[in-house]
PDB file of N, CA and C in Angstrom:
ATOM      1  N   MET A   1       0.838  -1.189   0.000  1.00  0.00           N
ATOM      2  CA  MET A   1       0.000   0.000   0.000  1.00  0.00           C
ATOM      3  C   MET A   1       0.874   1.240   0.000  1.00  0.00           C
ATOM      4  N   PRO A   2       0.491   2.226  -0.790  1.00  0.00           N
ATOM      5  CA  PRO A   2       1.213   3.502  -0.746  1.00  0.00           C
ATOM      6  C   PRO A   2       0.992   4.173   0.605  1.00  0.00           C
ATOM      7  N   VAL A   3       1.951   4.957   1.021  1.00  0.00           N
ATOM      8  CA  VAL A   3       1.847   5.654   2.300  1.00  0.00           C
ATOM      9  C   VAL A   3       1.836   7.151   2.037  1.00  0.00           C
ATOM     10  N   ALA A   4       0.779   7.821   2.496  1.00  0.00           N
ATOM     11  CA  ALA A   4       0.673   9.268   2.333  1.00  0.00           C
ATOM     12  C   ALA A   4       1.445   9.952   3.456  1.00  0.00           C
ATOM     13  N   THR A   5       2.084  11.052   3.124  1.00  0.00           N
ATOM     14  CA  THR A   5       2.844  11.779   4.147  1.00  0.00           C
ATOM     15  C   THR A   5       2.057  12.959   4.699  1.00  0.00           C
ATOM     16  N   GLU A   6       0.963  13.330   4.043  1.00  0.00           N
ATOM     17  CA  GLU A   6       0.157  14.445   4.512  1.00  0.00           C
ATOM     18  C   GLU A   6      -1.133  13.934   5.145  1.00  0.00           C
ATOM     19  N   ARG A   7      -1.549  14.592   6.192  1.00  0.00           N
ATOM     20  CA  ARG A   7      -2.757  14.197   6.898  1.00  0.00           C
ATOM     21  C   ARG A   7      -3.978  14.306   5.972  1.00  0.00           C
ATOM     22  N   GLY A   8      -4.836  13.289   6.004  1.00  0.00           N
ATOM     23  CA  GLY A   8      -6.040  13.293   5.192  1.00  0.00           C
ATOM     24  C   GLY A   8      -5.862  12.775   3.780  1.00  0.00           C
ATOM     25  N   HIS A   9      -4.642  12.439   3.387  1.00  0.00           N
ATOM     26  CA  HIS A   9      -4.367  11.915   2.052  1.00  0.00           C
ATOM     27  C   HIS A   9      -4.271  10.400   2.119  1.00  0.00           C
ATOM     28  N   GLY A  10      -4.525   9.743   0.998  1.00  0.00           N
ATOM     29  CA  GLY A  10      -4.403   8.287   0.936  1.00  0.00           C
ATOM     30  C   GLY A  10      -5.689   7.540   1.229  1.00  0.00           C
ATOM     31  N   LEU A  11      -6.763   8.273   1.517  1.00  0.00           N
ATOM     32  CA  LEU A  11      -8.026   7.605   1.835  1.00  0.00           C
ATOM     33  C   LEU A  11      -8.619   6.908   0.609  1.00  0.00           C
ATOM     34  N   GLY A  12      -8.397   7.460  -0.570  1.00  0.00           N
ATOM     35  CA  GLY A  12      -8.917   6.853  -1.793  1.00  0.00           C
ATOM     36  C   GLY A  12      -8.291   5.506  -2.077  1.00  0.00           C
ATOM     37  N   THR A  13      -6.993   5.374  -1.830  1.00  0.00           N
ATOM     38  CA  THR A  13      -6.326   4.097  -2.091  1.00  0.00           C
ATOM     39  C   THR A  13      -6.851   3.006  -1.152  1.00  0.00           C
ATOM     40  N   LYS A  14      -7.129   3.371   0.074  1.00  0.00           N
ATOM     41  CA  LYS A  14      -7.696   2.397   1.021  1.00  0.00           C
ATOM     42  C   LYS A  14      -9.098   1.986   0.603  1.00  0.00           C
ATOM     43  N   SER A  15      -9.891   2.949   0.148  1.00  0.00           N
ATOM     44  CA  SER A  15     -11.253   2.654  -0.297  1.00  0.00           C
ATOM     45  C   SER A  15     -11.249   1.733  -1.506  1.00  0.00           C
ATOM     46  N   ILE A  16     -10.344   1.972  -2.437  1.00  0.00           N
ATOM     47  CA  ILE A  16     -10.241   1.119  -3.623  1.00  0.00           C
ATOM     48  C   ILE A  16      -9.872  -0.296  -3.220  1.00  0.00           C
ATOM     49  N   ARG A  17      -8.893  -0.432  -2.339  1.00  0.00           N
ATOM     50  CA  ARG A  17      -8.479  -1.768  -1.895  1.00  0.00           C
ATOM     51  C   ARG A  17      -9.623  -2.496  -1.197  1.00  0.00           C
ATOM     52  N   GLN A  18     -10.323  -1.804  -0.299  1.00  0.00           N
ATOM     53  CA  GLN A  18     -11.427  -2.429   0.437  1.00  0.00           C
ATOM     54  C   GLN A  18     -12.561  -2.845  -0.501  1.00  0.00           C
ATOM     55  N   SER A  19     -12.874  -2.004  -1.475  1.00  0.00           N
ATOM     56  CA  SER A  19     -13.935  -2.334  -2.435  1.00  0.00           C
ATOM     57  C   SER A  19     -13.557  -3.542  -3.277  1.00  0.00           C
ATOM     58  N   ALA A  20     -12.333  -3.574  -3.765  1.00  0.00           N
ATOM     59  CA  ALA A  20     -11.878  -4.708  -4.567  1.00  0.00           C
ATOM     60  C   ALA A  20     -11.921  -5.999  -3.762  1.00  0.00           C
ATOM     61  N   GLU A  21     -11.439  -5.957  -2.529  1.00  0.00           N
ATOM     62  CA  GLU A  21     -11.433  -7.165  -1.696  1.00  0.00           C
ATOM     63  C   GLU A  21     -12.852  -7.612  -1.355  1.00  0.00           C
ATOM     64  N   ARG A  22     -13.741  -6.669  -1.109  1.00  0.00           N
ATOM     65  CA  ARG A  22     -15.134  -6.996  -0.788  1.00  0.00           C
ATOM     66  C   ARG A  22     -15.799  -7.732  -1.953  1.00  0.00           C
ATOM     67  N   LEU A  23     -15.395  -7.402  -3.181  1.00  0.00           N
ATOM     68  CA  LEU A  23     -15.965  -8.027  -4.368  1.00  0.00           C
ATOM     69  C   LEU A  23     -15.162  -9.240  -4.838  1.00  0.00           C
ATOM     70  N   GLY A  24     -14.179  -9.656  -4.040  1.00  0.00           N
ATOM     71  CA  GLY A  24     -13.390 -10.837  -4.375  1.00  0.00           C
ATOM     72  C   GLY A  24     -12.261 -10.560  -5.345  1.00  0.00           C
ATOM     73  N   GLY A  25     -11.900  -9.294  -5.515  1.00  0.00           N
ATOM     74  CA  GLY A  25     -10.845  -8.931  -6.449  1.00  0.00           C
ATOM     75  C   GLY A  25      -9.578  -8.500  -5.740  1.00  0.00           C
ATOM     76  N   LYS A  26      -8.687  -7.922  -6.517  1.00  0.00           N
ATOM     77  CA  LYS A  26      -7.407  -7.454  -5.989  1.00  0.00           C
ATOM     78  C   LYS A  26      -7.052  -6.129  -6.640  1.00  0.00           C
ATOM     79  N   CYS A  27      -6.165  -5.379  -5.990  1.00  0.00           N
ATOM     80  CA  CYS A  27      -5.664  -4.154  -6.596  1.00  0.00           C
ATOM     81  C   CYS A  27      -4.151  -4.081  -6.385  1.00  0.00           C
ATOM     82  N   GLN A  28      -3.509  -3.351  -7.278  1.00  0.00           N
ATOM     83  CA  GLN A  28      -2.058  -3.199  -7.224  1.00  0.00           C
ATOM     84  C   GLN A  28      -1.724  -1.746  -7.525  1.00  0.00           C
ATOM     85  N   TYR A  29      -0.826  -1.159  -6.740  1.00  0.00           N
ATOM     86  CA  TYR A  29      -0.393   0.217  -6.927  1.00  0.00           C
ATOM     87  C   TYR A  29       1.081   0.213  -7.332  1.00  0.00           C
ATOM     88  N   SER A  30       1.435   1.123  -8.238  1.00  0.00           N
ATOM     89  CA  SER A  30       2.839   1.275  -8.604  1.00  0.00           C
ATOM     90  C   SER A  30       3.077   2.706  -9.077  1.00  0.00           C
ATOM     91  N   VAL A  31       4.343   3.088  -9.101  1.00  0.00           N
ATOM     92  CA  VAL A  31       4.738   4.410  -9.578  1.00  0.00           C
ATOM     93  C   VAL A  31       5.780   4.217 -10.666  1.00  0.00           C
ATOM     94  N   SER A  32       5.569   4.888 -11.789  1.00  0.00           N
ATOM     95  CA  SER A  32       6.495   4.817 -12.909  1.00  0.00           C
ATOM     96  C   SER A  32       6.785   6.245 -13.352  1.00  0.00           C
ATOM     97  N   ASP A  33       8.004   6.678 -13.142  1.00  0.00           N
ATOM     98  CA  ASP A  33       8.395   8.069 -13.434  1.00  0.00           C
ATOM     99  C   ASP A  33       7.461   9.016 -12.687  1.00  0.00           C
ATOM    100  N   THR A  34       6.590   9.716 -13.389  1.00  0.00           N
ATOM    101  CA  THR A  34       5.676  10.671 -12.748  1.00  0.00           C
ATOM    102  C   THR A  34       4.241  10.167 -12.724  1.00  0.00           C
ATOM    103  N   MET A  35       4.035   8.873 -13.046  1.00  0.00           N
ATOM    104  CA  MET A  35       2.679   8.321 -13.091  1.00  0.00           C
ATOM    105  C   MET A  35       2.405   7.425 -11.894  1.00  0.00           C
ATOM    106  N   PHE A  36       1.225   7.597 -11.290  1.00  0.00           N
ATOM    107  CA  PHE A  36       0.739   6.723 -10.230  1.00  0.00           C
ATOM    108  C   PHE A  36      -0.242   5.777 -10.893  1.00  0.00           C
ATOM    109  N   ILE A  37       0.020   4.477 -10.846  1.00  0.00           N
ATOM    110  CA  ILE A  37      -0.774   3.490 -11.581  1.00  0.00           C
ATOM    111  C   ILE A  37      -1.530   2.600 -10.606  1.00  0.00           C
ATOM    112  N   VAL A  38      -2.811   2.434 -10.869  1.00  0.00           N
ATOM    113  CA  VAL A  38      -3.671   1.548 -10.073  1.00  0.00           C
ATOM    114  C   VAL A  38      -4.242   0.496 -11.012  1.00  0.00           C
ATOM    115  N   ARG A  39      -4.067  -0.762 -10.637  1.00  0.00           N
ATOM    116  CA  ARG A  39      -4.657  -1.872 -11.396  1.00  0.00           C
ATOM    117  C   ARG A  39      -5.642  -2.578 -10.489  1.00  0.00           C
ATOM    118  N   VAL A  40      -6.869  -2.716 -10.961  1.00  0.00           N
ATOM    119  CA  VAL A  40      -7.919  -3.374 -10.180  1.00  0.00           C
ATOM    120  C   VAL A  40      -8.481  -4.518 -11.002  1.00  0.00           C
ATOM    121  N   ILE A  41      -8.541  -5.687 -10.393  1.00  0.00           N
ATOM    122  CA  ILE A  41      -9.132  -6.856 -11.028  1.00  0.00           C
ATOM    123  C   ILE A  41     -10.281  -7.314 -10.142  1.00  0.00           C
ATOM    124  N   ILE A  42     -11.451  -7.360 -10.751  1.00  0.00           N
ATOM    125  CA  ILE A  42     -12.645  -7.797  -9.992  1.00  0.00           C
ATOM    126  C   ILE A  42     -13.259  -8.970 -10.736  1.00  0.00           C
TER     127      ILE A  42
END
């Protein structure tokens, strides 16, 4: 899981992970150069 350094940030990534897991799926986060990439499989 990505870690936010500012208070109140990073809530969206947790919500995405929880939603994917609730539906039996998975999610993956990565950073490439200046891009933040989210892959969700449901």
